[in-house]
């Protein structure tokens, strides 16, 4: 009976953590507005709208799988005491450029465009986030 309660508790904790991860909002990365200073007001609005349309269609970053092989010197405690020896590691993974990282970059670009527009005195139509 106790194992069933333990399993239920572990499942509840797991679902709580999973739900917490799913509801996090993406915060914009910092992008310097200086890169947009040479654009006109019309160009700034056009660039803002282009990014907004791209995000509305769904951000889909390119998937890259990474593979790495490493050779090094490892140490540790064994039957005979401390020791060092060669170690080989194989690493498989995906790039860090996920949908959220790309979305954060796009949101940062939009913020930079808005800042550049304010600096130039342009009125820009901003879509609420």
Protein backbone atom coordinates (compact mmCIF):
# COMPACT_ATOMS: atom_id res chain seq x y z
CA UNK A 1 0.00 0.00 0.00
CA UNK A 2 2.83 2.35 0.84
CA UNK A 3 4.48 1.85 -2.57
CA UNK A 4 1.31 2.95 -4.35
CA UNK A 5 1.25 6.19 -2.33
CA UNK A 6 4.92 6.73 -3.10
CA UNK A 7 4.33 6.19 -6.81
CA UNK A 8 1.40 8.61 -6.77
CA UNK A 9 3.48 11.22 -4.94
CA UNK A 10 6.37 10.87 -7.39
CA UNK A 11 3.98 11.13 -10.34
CA UNK A 12 2.37 14.25 -8.85
CA UNK A 13 5.76 15.89 -8.31
CA UNK A 14 6.85 15.01 -11.84
CA UNK A 15 3.66 16.44 -13.35
CA UNK A 16 4.04 19.62 -11.28
CA UNK A 17 7.60 20.10 -12.51
CA UNK A 18 6.59 19.34 -16.08
CA UNK A 19 3.74 21.84 -15.94
CA UNK A 20 6.03 24.47 -14.46
CA UNK A 21 8.45 24.04 -17.34
CA UNK A 22 5.71 24.24 -19.93
CA UNK A 23 4.29 27.53 -18.68
CA UNK A 24 7.47 29.59 -18.56
CA UNK A 25 7.39 32.65 -20.76
CA UNK A 26 10.22 33.59 -23.08
CA UNK A 27 12.10 36.75 -22.14
CA UNK A 28 13.68 38.81 -24.93
CA UNK A 29 17.44 38.74 -25.41
CA UNK A 30 19.17 42.09 -25.48
CA UNK A 31 19.74 43.40 -29.00
CA UNK A 32 21.37 46.77 -29.51
CA UNK A 33 19.10 49.34 -31.18
CA UNK A 34 22.22 50.79 -32.86
CA UNK A 35 21.97 48.19 -35.60
CA UNK A 36 18.65 49.74 -36.68
CA UNK A 37 19.71 53.41 -36.51
CA UNK A 38 20.22 53.75 -40.27
CA UNK A 39 16.69 52.62 -41.13
CA UNK A 40 13.87 55.04 -41.91
CA UNK A 41 10.59 54.99 -40.01
CA UNK A 42 8.91 53.01 -42.79
CA UNK A 43 11.76 50.51 -42.85
CA UNK A 44 11.60 50.09 -39.06
CA UNK A 45 7.87 49.37 -39.21
CA UNK A 46 8.41 46.95 -42.09
CA UNK A 47 11.14 45.09 -40.19
CA UNK A 48 8.98 44.93 -37.05
CA UNK A 49 6.05 43.57 -39.08
CA UNK A 50 8.29 41.00 -40.82
CA UNK A 51 9.49 39.63 -37.49
CA UNK A 52 5.94 39.59 -36.12
CA UNK A 53 4.68 37.67 -39.16
CA UNK A 54 7.52 35.14 -38.83
CA UNK A 55 6.64 34.56 -35.16
CA UNK A 56 2.93 34.25 -35.98
CA UNK A 57 3.69 31.53 -38.52
CA UNK A 58 5.59 29.59 -35.90
CA UNK A 59 9.29 29.74 -35.22
CA UNK A 60 11.07 26.64 -36.43
CA UNK A 61 14.83 26.66 -35.87
CA UNK A 62 17.06 24.47 -37.96
CA UNK A 63 17.74 21.19 -36.20
CA UNK A 64 21.37 20.33 -35.82
CA UNK A 65 22.60 17.16 -34.25
CA UNK A 66 26.04 17.26 -32.79
CA UNK A 67 28.53 14.46 -32.29
CA UNK A 68 31.80 14.68 -30.42
CA UNK A 69 34.62 12.41 -29.38
CA UNK A 70 36.99 13.32 -26.58
CA UNK A 71 40.16 11.78 -25.28
CA UNK A 72 41.55 12.81 -21.94
CA UNK A 73 43.13 11.84 -18.70
CA UNK A 74 40.82 10.72 -15.93
CA UNK A 75 41.41 10.01 -12.30
CA UNK A 76 39.55 8.34 -9.53
CA UNK A 77 39.50 5.92 -6.68
CA UNK A 78 39.69 2.24 -7.47
CA UNK A 79 40.55 -1.04 -5.77
CA UNK A 80 44.23 -0.15 -5.62
CA UNK A 81 43.73 3.41 -4.37
CA UNK A 82 43.94 6.61 -6.36
CA UNK A 83 44.90 6.37 -10.00
CA UNK A 84 44.97 8.09 -13.33
CA UNK A 85 44.33 6.68 -16.76
CA UNK A 86 43.13 7.53 -20.23
CA UNK A 87 39.45 8.14 -20.79
CA UNK A 88 37.37 8.25 -23.94
CA UNK A 89 34.01 9.99 -24.12
CA UNK A 90 31.41 10.02 -26.86
CA UNK A 91 28.87 12.83 -26.85
CA UNK A 92 25.62 13.03 -28.74
CA UNK A 93 23.22 15.92 -28.54
CA UNK A 94 21.40 18.71 -30.20
CA UNK A 95 22.32 22.34 -30.55
CA UNK A 96 21.27 24.85 -27.94
CA UNK A 97 19.32 26.80 -30.55
CA UNK A 98 15.84 25.76 -29.56
CA UNK A 99 12.55 27.36 -30.44
CA UNK A 100 12.66 29.42 -27.23
CA UNK A 101 16.17 30.75 -27.84
CA UNK A 102 15.25 31.83 -31.35
CA UNK A 103 12.01 33.35 -30.10
CA UNK A 104 13.93 35.26 -27.40
CA UNK A 105 16.26 36.64 -30.07
CA UNK A 106 13.33 37.75 -32.26
CA UNK A 107 11.62 39.44 -29.32
CA UNK A 108 14.88 41.23 -28.55
CA UNK A 109 15.09 42.43 -32.14
CA UNK A 110 11.56 43.79 -31.94
CA UNK A 111 12.40 45.63 -28.72
CA UNK A 112 15.49 47.13 -30.36
CA UNK A 113 13.40 48.27 -33.34
CA UNK A 114 10.91 49.96 -31.00
CA UNK A 115 13.76 51.71 -29.15
CA UNK A 116 15.31 52.87 -32.42
CA UNK A 117 11.92 54.16 -33.59
CA UNK A 118 11.41 56.11 -30.35
CA UNK A 119 14.87 57.62 -30.65
CA UNK A 120 14.08 58.79 -34.19
CA UNK A 121 10.66 60.06 -33.19
CA UNK A 122 8.81 57.54 -35.34
CA UNK A 123 5.38 56.26 -34.46
CA UNK A 124 5.44 52.50 -34.78
CA UNK A 125 2.51 50.12 -34.52
CA UNK A 126 3.44 47.57 -31.85
CA UNK A 127 1.65 44.26 -31.41
CA UNK A 128 1.09 43.42 -27.70
CA UNK A 129 3.04 40.38 -26.51
